Structures are given as C-alpha cells and as structure tokens.
Amino acid sequence: GGAAEYAEGRGVARSLVESARPDDDDDDTYQARLLRAGISKDEVKVQIEDVIFAGTDSTGMNLSTLCWNLAKHPAIYQTLRHEVLTADAADRTYVLPPSTTVGLQPHTLHSNPDVFRHPHEFDPARWLREGEPSGPEMRRDFVPFGVGSRMCIARNLAMMELGVAARALARSGVLEGASVVGGGAEGRVEILEWFNSRVKGGKMELVWR
C-alpha cells in the first residue's frame, strides 16, 4: 500500500545520502552536489524523497490508469495498437525551434466540461478529431505539470516516458484478453488528490480470460 511504498522510498533516499561522497569531486550525483554545497543531510534526504516520489508515483499512476482504461475499452486499445504498429517513423519527425516554451496545468481545470466535453470519459480521440469545437481551448488548458517558474522540472521526461511506455504496451499485445475488475456502478476510476494523485481503493485490477 501507500505507507509501505512511502517507507521504502524514504529508505532509498536515506541510503543514497549516506553513500554519497561529497569530499570526492568524482562523485557528481545529485545528493553529493547538495552536500558539497553545505546543505544538511536531513534536508538532502527530503530533497531526494521529493525526487523519488515525484518521478515514480506520478507516471506509475498514469500508466496504471492507461492499462485499466485500455482493457475496459478494447476498441480504443486496438486503434492505438494499429497506429503504433503501422506508423512510419520517418513521417513522425518534429522539430521544435530553439527557445520554444512548452507549458502544461491540474485536475479541476481538466474536468471543465466547457472545454473538455465529457471530461470523465476515456476518449483519447478528442485530441485527434478534425474541427473539435474546443480544440484550441483544450490545448490551452491542458497543463498537468503546472505553469510558470515552479512547473515540474521533469515534465519533458515524464511525457516522453509515458509516450514510449504506451507505445511499448500497445506493441507487446500484453492487454489481449484483459478486462477490468471493479470500477463501481459507473465503471470509472475515482481519483483522489494528494501530492501525487491516487486511485480510490488503492489499486486498479485486471484479469485475463
């Protein structure tokens, strides 16, 4: 559960800080550089914990939700799988000019039905439909990593990680024959807000038939 994961993360952070060698210039790890800058061990442990939880819980939660919804919506899963398997990499090359700013924002904004029609439905095609009435507003308001100077430092890594993982998931065929367990009367995952979001009940389950 969450408590066990939290304790494990704290243990890893403690181990990383204790094994750091701030007096050795060859140790260029994050924790060693913080200690070398004169930051206390206790503060460095907190910083390392933040990095661990921000970099694992968030993408893990999203990938779990993705698997659950793709298993619940096999037609969407097959569309994704077909697109990944037939995509021509040469036609998927995009160049972002230097100094291009990419910014992104949170849960209540993304649940605004005036911008995201039927926001609680699993409908990835909403982003692909030609002539989507609220298309520009959707793109404007889709900011899951925050905005401004305090937005997530690893936002680009997270999006790339999720994209690579989703393509690998579709390519592998691991969800063939999978179906969801639970989800309540409406067949939905209920998200609980915390430092990182959590799913009500603590887990999402699939079965293979």
N, C-alpha and C. Protein backbone atom coordinates (compact mmCIF):
# COMPACT_ATOMS: atom_id res chain seq x y z
N GLY A 1 0.82 -1.19 0.00
CA GLY A 1 0.00 0.00 0.00
C GLY A 1 0.86 1.25 0.00
N GLY A 2 0.20 2.42 0.12
CA GLY A 2 0.91 3.68 0.08
C GLY A 2 1.93 3.85 1.19
N ALA A 3 1.59 3.39 2.42
CA ALA A 3 2.51 3.54 3.55
C ALA A 3 3.79 2.75 3.33
N ALA A 4 3.66 1.54 2.80
CA ALA A 4 4.84 0.71 2.55
C ALA A 4 5.71 1.33 1.47
N GLU A 5 5.08 1.85 0.41
CA GLU A 5 5.84 2.49 -0.67
C GLU A 5 6.55 3.73 -0.15
N TYR A 6 5.88 4.49 0.72
CA TYR A 6 6.48 5.69 1.27
C TYR A 6 7.70 5.34 2.11
N ALA A 7 7.55 4.31 2.96
CA ALA A 7 8.66 3.88 3.81
C ALA A 7 9.83 3.39 2.96
N GLU A 8 9.52 2.66 1.90
CA GLU A 8 10.58 2.16 1.02
C GLU A 8 11.31 3.33 0.35
N GLY A 9 10.55 4.32 -0.11
CA GLY A 9 11.16 5.48 -0.75
C GLY A 9 12.05 6.24 0.20
N ARG A 10 11.61 6.38 1.45
CA ARG A 10 12.44 7.07 2.44
C ARG A 10 13.71 6.29 2.72
N GLY A 11 13.60 4.96 2.73
CA GLY A 11 14.78 4.13 2.95
C GLY A 11 15.79 4.28 1.82
N VAL A 12 15.30 4.32 0.59
CA VAL A 12 16.18 4.51 -0.56
C VAL A 12 16.86 5.87 -0.48
N ALA A 13 16.10 6.90 -0.14
CA ALA A 13 16.67 8.25 -0.03
C ALA A 13 17.76 8.29 1.03
N ARG A 14 17.49 7.67 2.17
CA ARG A 14 18.48 7.64 3.25
C ARG A 14 19.76 6.93 2.81
N SER A 15 19.59 5.82 2.11
CA SER A 15 20.75 5.06 1.63
C SER A 15 21.57 5.86 0.63
N LEU A 16 20.89 6.57 -0.27
CA LEU A 16 21.60 7.37 -1.27
C LEU A 16 22.40 8.49 -0.63
N VAL A 17 21.82 9.12 0.38
CA VAL A 17 22.52 10.22 1.05
C VAL A 17 23.71 9.69 1.85
N GLU A 18 23.52 8.58 2.56
CA GLU A 18 24.60 8.02 3.38
C GLU A 18 25.76 7.53 2.52
N SER A 19 25.48 7.08 1.31
CA SER A 19 26.55 6.56 0.45
C SER A 19 27.22 7.65 -0.39
N ALA A 20 26.70 8.87 -0.33
CA ALA A 20 27.29 9.96 -1.11
C ALA A 20 28.69 10.31 -0.60
N ARG A 21 29.54 10.78 -1.51
CA ARG A 21 30.91 11.15 -1.15
C ARG A 21 31.15 12.62 -1.52
N PRO A 22 30.68 13.54 -0.68
CA PRO A 22 30.79 14.97 -1.02
C PRO A 22 32.23 15.46 -1.10
N ASP A 23 33.17 14.77 -0.43
CA ASP A 23 34.57 15.18 -0.47
C ASP A 23 35.29 14.69 -1.72
N ASP A 24 34.62 13.84 -2.49
CA ASP A 24 35.21 13.28 -3.70
C ASP A 24 34.60 13.99 -4.91
N ASP A 25 35.41 14.78 -5.61
CA ASP A 25 34.90 15.55 -6.75
C ASP A 25 34.39 14.66 -7.87
N ASP A 26 34.81 13.39 -7.87
CA ASP A 26 34.34 12.47 -8.90
C ASP A 26 32.90 12.01 -8.66
N ASP A 27 32.42 12.21 -7.43
CA ASP A 27 31.03 11.87 -7.13
C ASP A 27 30.15 13.04 -7.55
N ASP A 28 29.58 12.93 -8.74
CA ASP A 28 28.78 14.03 -9.29
C ASP A 28 27.28 13.77 -9.16
N THR A 29 26.91 12.91 -8.20
CA THR A 29 25.49 12.63 -8.01
C THR A 29 24.78 13.85 -7.41
N TYR A 30 23.48 13.86 -7.58
CA TYR A 30 22.67 14.97 -7.07
C TYR A 30 22.87 15.17 -5.57
N GLN A 31 22.82 14.05 -4.83
CA GLN A 31 22.96 14.15 -3.38
C GLN A 31 24.34 14.62 -2.96
N ALA A 32 25.38 14.18 -3.67
CA ALA A 32 26.74 14.61 -3.34
C ALA A 32 26.91 16.10 -3.60
N ARG A 33 26.35 16.59 -4.68
CA ARG A 33 26.47 18.01 -5.00
C ARG A 33 25.73 18.87 -3.98
N LEU A 34 24.56 18.39 -3.51
CA LEU A 34 23.84 19.15 -2.48
C LEU A 34 24.64 19.20 -1.18
N LEU A 35 25.20 18.06 -0.79
CA LEU A 35 26.01 18.03 0.43
C LEU A 35 27.24 18.91 0.29
N ARG A 36 27.84 18.89 -0.90
CA ARG A 36 29.03 19.69 -1.16
C ARG A 36 28.73 21.18 -1.06
N ALA A 37 27.47 21.54 -1.34
CA ALA A 37 27.06 22.94 -1.27
C ALA A 37 26.76 23.38 0.15
N GLY A 38 26.90 22.46 1.12
CA GLY A 38 26.70 22.82 2.51
C GLY A 38 25.30 22.57 3.04
N ILE A 39 24.47 21.90 2.26
CA ILE A 39 23.11 21.59 2.71
C ILE A 39 23.17 20.40 3.66
N SER A 40 22.39 20.46 4.74
CA SER A 40 22.44 19.41 5.75
C SER A 40 21.94 18.08 5.21
N LYS A 41 22.38 16.99 5.86
CA LYS A 41 21.95 15.66 5.43
C LYS A 41 20.43 15.50 5.50
N ASP A 42 19.83 16.04 6.55
CA ASP A 42 18.38 15.92 6.70
C ASP A 42 17.64 16.60 5.55
N GLU A 43 18.11 17.78 5.17
CA GLU A 43 17.47 18.50 4.06
C GLU A 43 17.69 17.77 2.74
N VAL A 44 18.89 17.22 2.55
CA VAL A 44 19.18 16.48 1.32
C VAL A 44 18.28 15.25 1.23
N LYS A 45 18.05 14.57 2.36
CA LYS A 45 17.16 13.41 2.35
C LYS A 45 15.75 13.80 1.89
N VAL A 46 15.27 14.95 2.38
CA VAL A 46 13.94 15.43 1.97
C VAL A 46 13.92 15.71 0.47
N GLN A 47 14.98 16.35 -0.02
CA GLN A 47 15.06 16.65 -1.45
C GLN A 47 15.05 15.37 -2.29
N ILE A 48 15.80 14.36 -1.85
CA ILE A 48 15.87 13.09 -2.58
C ILE A 48 14.52 12.39 -2.55
N GLU A 49 13.83 12.43 -1.39
CA GLU A 49 12.49 11.83 -1.30
C GLU A 49 11.54 12.48 -2.30
N ASP A 50 11.61 13.81 -2.41
CA ASP A 50 10.74 14.52 -3.36
C ASP A 50 10.99 14.04 -4.78
N VAL A 51 12.27 13.89 -5.13
CA VAL A 51 12.61 13.45 -6.48
C VAL A 51 12.11 12.03 -6.74
N ILE A 52 12.30 11.14 -5.74
CA ILE A 52 11.88 9.74 -5.90
C ILE A 52 10.37 9.64 -6.09
N PHE A 53 9.60 10.30 -5.20
CA PHE A 53 8.14 10.18 -5.27
C PHE A 53 7.58 10.89 -6.50
N ALA A 54 8.14 12.05 -6.83
CA ALA A 54 7.64 12.78 -8.00
C ALA A 54 7.93 12.04 -9.29
N GLY A 55 9.02 11.27 -9.32
CA GLY A 55 9.42 10.60 -10.55
C GLY A 55 8.92 9.18 -10.70
N THR A 56 8.25 8.64 -9.68
CA THR A 56 7.76 7.26 -9.79
C THR A 56 6.25 7.17 -9.61
N ASP A 57 5.71 7.77 -8.56
CA ASP A 57 4.27 7.69 -8.30
C ASP A 57 3.46 8.27 -9.45
N SER A 58 3.90 9.43 -9.96
CA SER A 58 3.10 10.14 -10.95
C SER A 58 2.95 9.35 -12.25
N THR A 59 4.07 8.94 -12.85
CA THR A 59 3.99 8.20 -14.10
C THR A 59 3.42 6.80 -13.88
N GLY A 60 3.73 6.19 -12.71
CA GLY A 60 3.18 4.87 -12.40
C GLY A 60 1.67 4.90 -12.32
N MET A 61 1.14 5.95 -11.69
CA MET A 61 -0.30 6.11 -11.57
C MET A 61 -0.94 6.27 -12.95
N ASN A 62 -0.31 7.09 -13.80
CA ASN A 62 -0.85 7.31 -15.14
C ASN A 62 -0.82 6.04 -15.98
N LEU A 63 0.27 5.28 -15.90
CA LEU A 63 0.37 4.05 -16.69
C LEU A 63 -0.63 3.00 -16.21
N SER A 64 -0.86 2.95 -14.88
CA SER A 64 -1.86 2.02 -14.35
C SER A 64 -3.25 2.38 -14.86
N THR A 65 -3.56 3.68 -14.84
CA THR A 65 -4.86 4.14 -15.34
C THR A 65 -5.01 3.86 -16.83
N LEU A 66 -3.90 4.06 -17.58
CA LEU A 66 -3.93 3.78 -19.02
C LEU A 66 -4.23 2.31 -19.29
N CYS A 67 -3.54 1.41 -18.59
CA CYS A 67 -3.78 -0.03 -18.78
C CYS A 67 -5.23 -0.38 -18.46
N TRP A 68 -5.74 0.16 -17.35
CA TRP A 68 -7.11 -0.14 -16.90
C TRP A 68 -8.12 0.30 -17.96
N ASN A 69 -7.94 1.53 -18.45
CA ASN A 69 -8.90 2.07 -19.42
C ASN A 69 -8.79 1.39 -20.79
N LEU A 70 -7.57 1.05 -21.21
CA LEU A 70 -7.42 0.36 -22.49
C LEU A 70 -8.04 -1.03 -22.43
N ALA A 71 -7.91 -1.69 -21.28
CA ALA A 71 -8.53 -3.01 -21.12
C ALA A 71 -10.05 -2.89 -21.10
N LYS A 72 -10.56 -1.80 -20.57
CA LYS A 72 -12.01 -1.59 -20.49
C LYS A 72 -12.60 -1.15 -21.84
N HIS A 73 -11.74 -0.55 -22.69
CA HIS A 73 -12.19 -0.06 -23.99
C HIS A 73 -11.36 -0.71 -25.09
N PRO A 74 -11.63 -1.98 -25.41
CA PRO A 74 -10.79 -2.71 -26.37
C PRO A 74 -10.74 -2.07 -27.75
N ALA A 75 -11.79 -1.38 -28.17
CA ALA A 75 -11.76 -0.74 -29.50
C ALA A 75 -10.71 0.36 -29.55
N ILE A 76 -10.63 1.14 -28.47
CA ILE A 76 -9.61 2.20 -28.41
C ILE A 76 -8.22 1.57 -28.34
N TYR A 77 -8.10 0.49 -27.57
CA TYR A 77 -6.81 -0.21 -27.47
C TYR A 77 -6.37 -0.72 -28.83
N GLN A 78 -7.29 -1.31 -29.60
CA GLN A 78 -6.94 -1.83 -30.92
C GLN A 78 -6.56 -0.70 -31.87
N THR A 79 -7.23 0.45 -31.76
CA THR A 79 -6.88 1.60 -32.59
C THR A 79 -5.46 2.07 -32.28
N LEU A 80 -5.14 2.16 -30.99
CA LEU A 80 -3.79 2.55 -30.58
C LEU A 80 -2.76 1.55 -31.07
N ARG A 81 -3.05 0.28 -30.87
CA ARG A 81 -2.11 -0.77 -31.27
C ARG A 81 -1.86 -0.73 -32.78
N HIS A 82 -2.93 -0.56 -33.56
CA HIS A 82 -2.78 -0.49 -35.02
C HIS A 82 -1.93 0.71 -35.42
N GLU A 83 -2.18 1.85 -34.78
CA GLU A 83 -1.43 3.06 -35.12
C GLU A 83 0.06 2.89 -34.81
N VAL A 84 0.36 2.30 -33.65
CA VAL A 84 1.76 2.12 -33.26
C VAL A 84 2.46 1.14 -34.19
N LEU A 85 1.77 0.06 -34.54
CA LEU A 85 2.39 -0.98 -35.36
C LEU A 85 2.56 -0.57 -36.82
N THR A 86 1.75 0.37 -37.29
CA THR A 86 1.81 0.75 -38.70
C THR A 86 2.44 2.11 -38.94
N ALA A 87 2.79 2.80 -37.87
CA ALA A 87 3.34 4.15 -38.02
C ALA A 87 4.69 4.11 -38.72
N ASP A 88 4.90 5.06 -39.60
CA ASP A 88 6.18 5.21 -40.29
C ASP A 88 6.99 6.25 -39.53
N ALA A 89 8.08 5.82 -38.92
CA ALA A 89 8.87 6.72 -38.08
C ALA A 89 9.36 7.93 -38.87
N ALA A 90 9.63 7.75 -40.17
CA ALA A 90 10.13 8.86 -40.97
C ALA A 90 9.12 9.99 -41.09
N ASP A 91 7.83 9.65 -40.96
CA ASP A 91 6.78 10.66 -41.05
C ASP A 91 6.39 11.22 -39.69
N ARG A 92 7.11 10.83 -38.66
CA ARG A 92 6.77 11.27 -37.31
C ARG A 92 7.91 12.09 -36.71
N THR A 93 8.60 12.83 -37.55
CA THR A 93 9.72 13.63 -37.08
C THR A 93 9.27 15.08 -36.93
N TYR A 94 9.43 15.64 -35.74
CA TYR A 94 9.04 17.00 -35.47
C TYR A 94 10.24 17.77 -34.92
N VAL A 95 10.36 19.00 -35.33
CA VAL A 95 11.47 19.84 -34.88
C VAL A 95 10.91 21.02 -34.10
N LEU A 96 11.34 21.19 -32.85
CA LEU A 96 10.96 22.35 -32.06
C LEU A 96 12.10 23.36 -32.14
N PRO A 97 11.83 24.57 -32.60
CA PRO A 97 12.89 25.58 -32.70
C PRO A 97 13.49 25.89 -31.33
N PRO A 98 14.74 26.36 -31.29
CA PRO A 98 15.35 26.75 -30.01
C PRO A 98 14.49 27.77 -29.29
N SER A 99 14.50 27.68 -27.96
CA SER A 99 13.78 28.60 -27.07
C SER A 99 12.26 28.42 -27.11
N THR A 100 11.80 27.33 -27.74
CA THR A 100 10.37 27.05 -27.71
C THR A 100 9.95 26.72 -26.28
N THR A 101 8.90 27.36 -25.80
CA THR A 101 8.40 27.12 -24.44
C THR A 101 7.22 26.16 -24.49
N VAL A 102 7.32 25.08 -23.73
CA VAL A 102 6.22 24.11 -23.64
C VAL A 102 5.71 24.14 -22.20
N GLY A 103 4.47 24.53 -22.01
CA GLY A 103 3.92 24.60 -20.67
C GLY A 103 2.64 23.79 -20.56
N LEU A 104 2.34 23.36 -19.37
CA LEU A 104 1.17 22.49 -19.18
C LEU A 104 0.41 22.79 -17.85
N GLN A 105 -1.10 22.35 -17.07
CA GLN A 105 -1.95 22.62 -15.75
C GLN A 105 -2.87 21.59 -14.98
N PRO A 106 -3.76 21.44 -13.72
CA PRO A 106 -4.30 20.39 -12.84
C PRO A 106 -5.75 19.87 -13.02
N HIS A 107 -6.11 18.97 -12.13
CA HIS A 107 -7.29 18.10 -12.29
C HIS A 107 -8.60 18.86 -12.51
N THR A 108 -8.87 19.88 -11.71
CA THR A 108 -10.16 20.58 -11.85
C THR A 108 -10.26 21.30 -13.19
N LEU A 109 -9.17 21.87 -13.66
CA LEU A 109 -9.17 22.54 -14.96
C LEU A 109 -9.46 21.53 -16.06
N HIS A 110 -8.88 20.34 -15.94
CA HIS A 110 -9.06 19.31 -16.97
C HIS A 110 -10.46 18.68 -16.91
N SER A 111 -11.20 18.95 -15.83
CA SER A 111 -12.55 18.41 -15.70
C SER A 111 -13.62 19.42 -16.10
N ASN A 112 -13.20 20.53 -16.67
CA ASN A 112 -14.14 21.58 -17.07
C ASN A 112 -14.87 21.16 -18.35
N PRO A 113 -16.18 20.85 -18.27
CA PRO A 113 -16.90 20.37 -19.46
C PRO A 113 -17.07 21.42 -20.54
N ASP A 114 -16.88 22.71 -20.19
CA ASP A 114 -16.96 23.76 -21.21
C ASP A 114 -15.78 23.70 -22.17
N VAL A 115 -14.71 23.08 -21.72
CA VAL A 115 -13.51 22.96 -22.56
C VAL A 115 -13.31 21.51 -23.00
N PHE A 116 -13.36 20.60 -22.02
CA PHE A 116 -13.17 19.17 -22.31
C PHE A 116 -14.54 18.49 -22.26
N ARG A 117 -15.17 18.32 -23.39
CA ARG A 117 -16.50 17.72 -23.42
C ARG A 117 -16.45 16.30 -22.85
N HIS A 118 -17.42 16.00 -21.99
CA HIS A 118 -17.47 14.69 -21.32
C HIS A 118 -16.09 14.37 -20.72
N PRO A 119 -15.63 15.21 -19.80
CA PRO A 119 -14.24 15.09 -19.31
C PRO A 119 -13.93 13.78 -18.61
N HIS A 120 -14.94 13.08 -18.09
CA HIS A 120 -14.67 11.85 -17.34
C HIS A 120 -14.77 10.60 -18.21
N GLU A 121 -14.96 10.78 -19.50
CA GLU A 121 -14.97 9.63 -20.41
C GLU A 121 -13.56 9.42 -20.96
N PHE A 122 -13.17 8.16 -21.11
CA PHE A 122 -11.88 7.84 -21.71
C PHE A 122 -12.02 8.00 -23.22
N ASP A 123 -11.58 9.14 -23.72
CA ASP A 123 -11.79 9.47 -25.13
C ASP A 123 -10.54 10.13 -25.71
N PRO A 124 -9.46 9.37 -25.89
CA PRO A 124 -8.24 9.97 -26.43
C PRO A 124 -8.43 10.57 -27.81
N ALA A 125 -9.44 10.10 -28.55
CA ALA A 125 -9.67 10.63 -29.90
C ALA A 125 -10.13 12.09 -29.88
N ARG A 126 -10.51 12.61 -28.71
CA ARG A 126 -10.91 14.01 -28.63
C ARG A 126 -9.79 14.92 -29.13
N TRP A 127 -8.56 14.44 -29.00
CA TRP A 127 -7.41 15.24 -29.41
C TRP A 127 -7.14 15.12 -30.90
N LEU A 128 -7.77 14.18 -31.57
CA LEU A 128 -7.47 13.90 -32.97
C LEU A 128 -8.56 14.33 -33.92
N ARG A 129 -9.75 14.61 -33.40
CA ARG A 129 -10.89 14.92 -34.27
C ARG A 129 -10.72 16.27 -34.98
N GLU A 130 -10.90 16.25 -36.30
CA GLU A 130 -10.86 17.49 -37.07
C GLU A 130 -12.06 18.35 -36.69
N GLY A 131 -11.83 19.63 -36.52
CA GLY A 131 -12.93 20.55 -36.24
C GLY A 131 -13.47 20.47 -34.84
N GLU A 132 -12.73 19.87 -33.90
CA GLU A 132 -13.17 19.83 -32.50
C GLU A 132 -13.44 21.27 -32.04
N PRO A 133 -14.70 21.61 -31.63
CA PRO A 133 -15.05 23.00 -31.32
C PRO A 133 -14.15 23.63 -30.27
N SER A 134 -13.80 22.86 -29.24
CA SER A 134 -12.99 23.44 -28.17
C SER A 134 -11.52 23.04 -28.29
N GLY A 135 -11.11 22.62 -29.50
CA GLY A 135 -9.73 22.19 -29.68
C GLY A 135 -8.69 23.18 -29.19
N PRO A 136 -8.76 24.46 -29.60
CA PRO A 136 -7.77 25.44 -29.14
C PRO A 136 -7.79 25.62 -27.62
N GLU A 137 -9.00 25.63 -27.02
CA GLU A 137 -9.10 25.79 -25.57
C GLU A 137 -8.56 24.56 -24.84
N MET A 138 -8.80 23.38 -25.40
CA MET A 138 -8.26 22.16 -24.79
C MET A 138 -6.74 22.22 -24.75
N ARG A 139 -6.16 22.61 -25.86
CA ARG A 139 -4.70 22.69 -25.91
C ARG A 139 -4.18 23.76 -24.96
N ARG A 140 -4.92 24.85 -24.84
CA ARG A 140 -4.50 25.93 -23.94
C ARG A 140 -4.55 25.50 -22.48
N ASP A 141 -5.60 24.74 -22.12
CA ASP A 141 -5.84 24.41 -20.71
C ASP A 141 -5.24 23.09 -20.27
N PHE A 142 -4.62 22.36 -21.16
CA PHE A 142 -4.00 21.08 -20.78
C PHE A 142 -2.62 21.35 -20.21
N VAL A 143 -2.55 21.49 -18.88
CA VAL A 143 -1.28 21.83 -18.23
C VAL A 143 -1.07 20.98 -16.97
N PRO A 144 -0.90 19.67 -17.08
CA PRO A 144 -0.81 18.79 -15.91
C PRO A 144 0.44 18.98 -15.07
N PHE A 145 1.44 19.69 -15.60
CA PHE A 145 2.68 19.85 -14.84
C PHE A 145 2.80 21.22 -14.20
N GLY A 146 1.70 22.01 -14.21
CA GLY A 146 1.77 23.35 -13.66
C GLY A 146 2.25 24.34 -14.70
N VAL A 147 2.39 25.59 -14.29
CA VAL A 147 2.85 26.65 -15.19
C VAL A 147 3.83 27.55 -14.45
N GLY A 148 4.57 28.33 -15.21
CA GLY A 148 5.46 29.30 -14.60
C GLY A 148 6.75 28.70 -14.07
N SER A 149 7.39 29.45 -13.20
CA SER A 149 8.73 29.08 -12.73
C SER A 149 8.73 27.83 -11.86
N ARG A 150 7.58 27.42 -11.33
CA ARG A 150 7.54 26.26 -10.43
C ARG A 150 6.94 25.02 -11.09
N MET A 151 6.81 25.02 -12.40
CA MET A 151 6.28 23.82 -13.06
C MET A 151 7.29 22.68 -12.93
N CYS A 152 6.80 21.46 -13.09
CA CYS A 152 7.61 20.26 -12.88
C CYS A 152 8.88 20.28 -13.71
N ILE A 153 10.02 20.10 -13.06
CA ILE A 153 11.30 20.15 -13.75
C ILE A 153 11.48 18.97 -14.69
N ALA A 154 10.78 17.87 -14.42
CA ALA A 154 10.95 16.65 -15.24
C ALA A 154 9.78 16.43 -16.19
N ARG A 155 9.07 17.51 -16.53
CA ARG A 155 7.86 17.37 -17.33
C ARG A 155 8.14 16.73 -18.69
N ASN A 156 9.21 17.14 -19.35
CA ASN A 156 9.50 16.59 -20.68
C ASN A 156 9.88 15.12 -20.59
N LEU A 157 10.64 14.77 -19.55
CA LEU A 157 11.00 13.37 -19.34
C LEU A 157 9.74 12.53 -19.11
N ALA A 158 8.81 13.06 -18.28
CA ALA A 158 7.60 12.31 -17.97
C ALA A 158 6.75 12.05 -19.21
N MET A 159 6.58 13.07 -20.06
CA MET A 159 5.78 12.89 -21.27
C MET A 159 6.44 11.90 -22.22
N MET A 160 7.76 12.00 -22.35
CA MET A 160 8.46 11.06 -23.21
C MET A 160 8.35 9.64 -22.66
N GLU A 161 8.51 9.52 -21.33
CA GLU A 161 8.43 8.21 -20.68
C GLU A 161 7.05 7.58 -20.90
N LEU A 162 6.00 8.38 -20.70
CA LEU A 162 4.64 7.86 -20.89
C LEU A 162 4.38 7.49 -22.35
N GLY A 163 4.87 8.30 -23.27
CA GLY A 163 4.68 8.01 -24.68
C GLY A 163 5.39 6.73 -25.10
N VAL A 164 6.64 6.59 -24.67
CA VAL A 164 7.41 5.39 -25.00
C VAL A 164 6.74 4.15 -24.39
N ALA A 165 6.31 4.29 -23.11
CA ALA A 165 5.69 3.15 -22.43
C ALA A 165 4.36 2.77 -23.08
N ALA A 166 3.56 3.77 -23.48
CA ALA A 166 2.27 3.47 -24.12
C ALA A 166 2.47 2.76 -25.45
N ARG A 167 3.47 3.20 -26.22
CA ARG A 167 3.74 2.53 -27.50
C ARG A 167 4.22 1.10 -27.28
N ALA A 168 5.10 0.92 -26.28
CA ALA A 168 5.59 -0.43 -25.99
C ALA A 168 4.46 -1.32 -25.51
N LEU A 169 3.54 -0.75 -24.73
CA LEU A 169 2.38 -1.50 -24.24
C LEU A 169 1.53 -1.98 -25.40
N ALA A 170 1.26 -1.09 -26.35
CA ALA A 170 0.44 -1.46 -27.50
C ALA A 170 1.16 -2.48 -28.38
N ARG A 171 2.47 -2.28 -28.54
CA ARG A 171 3.24 -3.18 -29.40
C ARG A 171 3.30 -4.59 -28.83
N SER A 172 3.38 -4.70 -27.51
CA SER A 172 3.58 -6.01 -26.87
C SER A 172 2.36 -6.92 -26.95
N GLY A 173 1.16 -6.31 -27.03
CA GLY A 173 -0.06 -7.11 -27.03
C GLY A 173 -0.41 -7.70 -25.68
N VAL A 174 0.21 -7.18 -24.60
CA VAL A 174 0.01 -7.77 -23.29
C VAL A 174 -1.43 -7.64 -22.79
N LEU A 175 -2.18 -6.68 -23.32
CA LEU A 175 -3.56 -6.49 -22.86
C LEU A 175 -4.58 -7.31 -23.64
N GLU A 176 -4.11 -8.15 -24.56
CA GLU A 176 -5.04 -9.02 -25.28
C GLU A 176 -5.77 -9.93 -24.29
N GLY A 177 -7.09 -9.91 -24.32
CA GLY A 177 -7.89 -10.75 -23.43
C GLY A 177 -8.07 -10.20 -22.04
N ALA A 178 -7.58 -8.99 -21.77
CA ALA A 178 -7.69 -8.42 -20.43
C ALA A 178 -9.02 -7.70 -20.25
N SER A 179 -9.53 -7.72 -19.03
CA SER A 179 -10.72 -6.94 -18.69
C SER A 179 -10.53 -6.38 -17.29
N VAL A 180 -11.29 -5.33 -16.98
CA VAL A 180 -11.11 -4.66 -15.70
C VAL A 180 -11.91 -5.33 -14.60
N VAL A 181 -11.44 -5.15 -13.36
CA VAL A 181 -12.14 -5.63 -12.18
C VAL A 181 -12.62 -4.41 -11.41
N GLY A 182 -13.89 -4.35 -11.08
CA GLY A 182 -14.40 -3.25 -10.28
C GLY A 182 -14.62 -2.00 -11.11
N GLY A 183 -14.50 -0.85 -10.44
CA GLY A 183 -14.76 0.42 -11.11
C GLY A 183 -16.10 1.02 -10.72
N GLY A 184 -16.82 0.36 -9.80
CA GLY A 184 -18.07 0.91 -9.32
C GLY A 184 -19.19 0.79 -10.33
N ALA A 185 -20.35 1.34 -9.96
CA ALA A 185 -21.54 1.23 -10.80
C ALA A 185 -21.35 1.90 -12.14
N GLU A 186 -20.55 2.97 -12.17
CA GLU A 186 -20.34 3.71 -13.41
C GLU A 186 -19.14 3.18 -14.18
N GLY A 187 -18.45 2.21 -13.62
CA GLY A 187 -17.29 1.67 -14.32
C GLY A 187 -16.18 2.68 -14.49
N ARG A 188 -15.91 3.44 -13.43
CA ARG A 188 -14.92 4.50 -13.50
C ARG A 188 -13.86 4.35 -12.42
N VAL A 189 -12.68 4.87 -12.71
CA VAL A 189 -11.65 5.01 -11.69
C VAL A 189 -11.89 6.34 -11.00
N GLU A 190 -11.92 6.33 -9.66
CA GLU A 190 -12.11 7.58 -8.92
C GLU A 190 -10.75 8.06 -8.42
N ILE A 191 -10.37 9.26 -8.83
CA ILE A 191 -9.07 9.80 -8.50
C ILE A 191 -9.16 10.63 -7.22
N LEU A 192 -8.21 10.43 -6.32
CA LEU A 192 -8.12 11.21 -5.09
C LEU A 192 -6.89 12.11 -5.19
N GLU A 193 -7.06 13.38 -4.87
CA GLU A 193 -5.95 14.32 -4.98
C GLU A 193 -5.09 14.27 -3.72
N TRP A 194 -3.78 14.27 -3.94
CA TRP A 194 -2.78 14.30 -2.86
C TRP A 194 -1.57 14.97 -3.46
N PHE A 195 -0.36 14.78 -2.89
CA PHE A 195 0.85 15.32 -3.53
C PHE A 195 0.95 14.77 -4.94
N ASN A 196 0.80 13.46 -5.06
CA ASN A 196 0.53 12.82 -6.35
C ASN A 196 -0.85 12.19 -6.24
N SER A 197 -1.60 12.17 -7.34
CA SER A 197 -2.95 11.63 -7.28
C SER A 197 -2.94 10.14 -6.96
N ARG A 198 -4.02 9.69 -6.34
CA ARG A 198 -4.17 8.28 -6.01
C ARG A 198 -5.54 7.81 -6.48
N VAL A 199 -5.68 6.51 -6.65
CA VAL A 199 -6.97 5.96 -7.04
C VAL A 199 -7.68 5.46 -5.78
N LYS A 200 -8.99 5.70 -5.70
CA LYS A 200 -9.76 5.26 -4.54
C LYS A 200 -9.70 3.74 -4.45
N GLY A 201 -9.40 3.24 -3.26
CA GLY A 201 -9.25 1.81 -3.06
C GLY A 201 -7.81 1.35 -3.15
N GLY A 202 -6.94 2.22 -3.67
CA GLY A 202 -5.50 1.93 -3.65
C GLY A 202 -4.96 1.09 -4.79
N LYS A 203 -5.83 0.55 -5.65
CA LYS A 203 -5.31 -0.28 -6.74
C LYS A 203 -6.31 -0.37 -7.88
N MET A 204 -5.80 -0.70 -9.05
CA MET A 204 -6.61 -0.99 -10.23
C MET A 204 -6.25 -2.39 -10.68
N GLU A 205 -7.27 -3.22 -10.92
CA GLU A 205 -7.02 -4.63 -11.20
C GLU A 205 -7.53 -5.03 -12.58
N LEU A 206 -6.77 -5.91 -13.21
CA LEU A 206 -7.16 -6.51 -14.48
C LEU A 206 -7.17 -8.02 -14.34
N VAL A 207 -7.97 -8.69 -15.15
CA VAL A 207 -7.94 -10.15 -15.22
C VAL A 207 -7.81 -10.54 -16.69
N TRP A 208 -7.17 -11.68 -16.92
CA TRP A 208 -7.02 -12.20 -18.27
C TRP A 208 -7.87 -13.46 -18.40
N ARG A 209 -8.67 -13.53 -19.44
CA ARG A 209 -9.58 -14.66 -19.62
C ARG A 209 -9.18 -15.48 -20.84
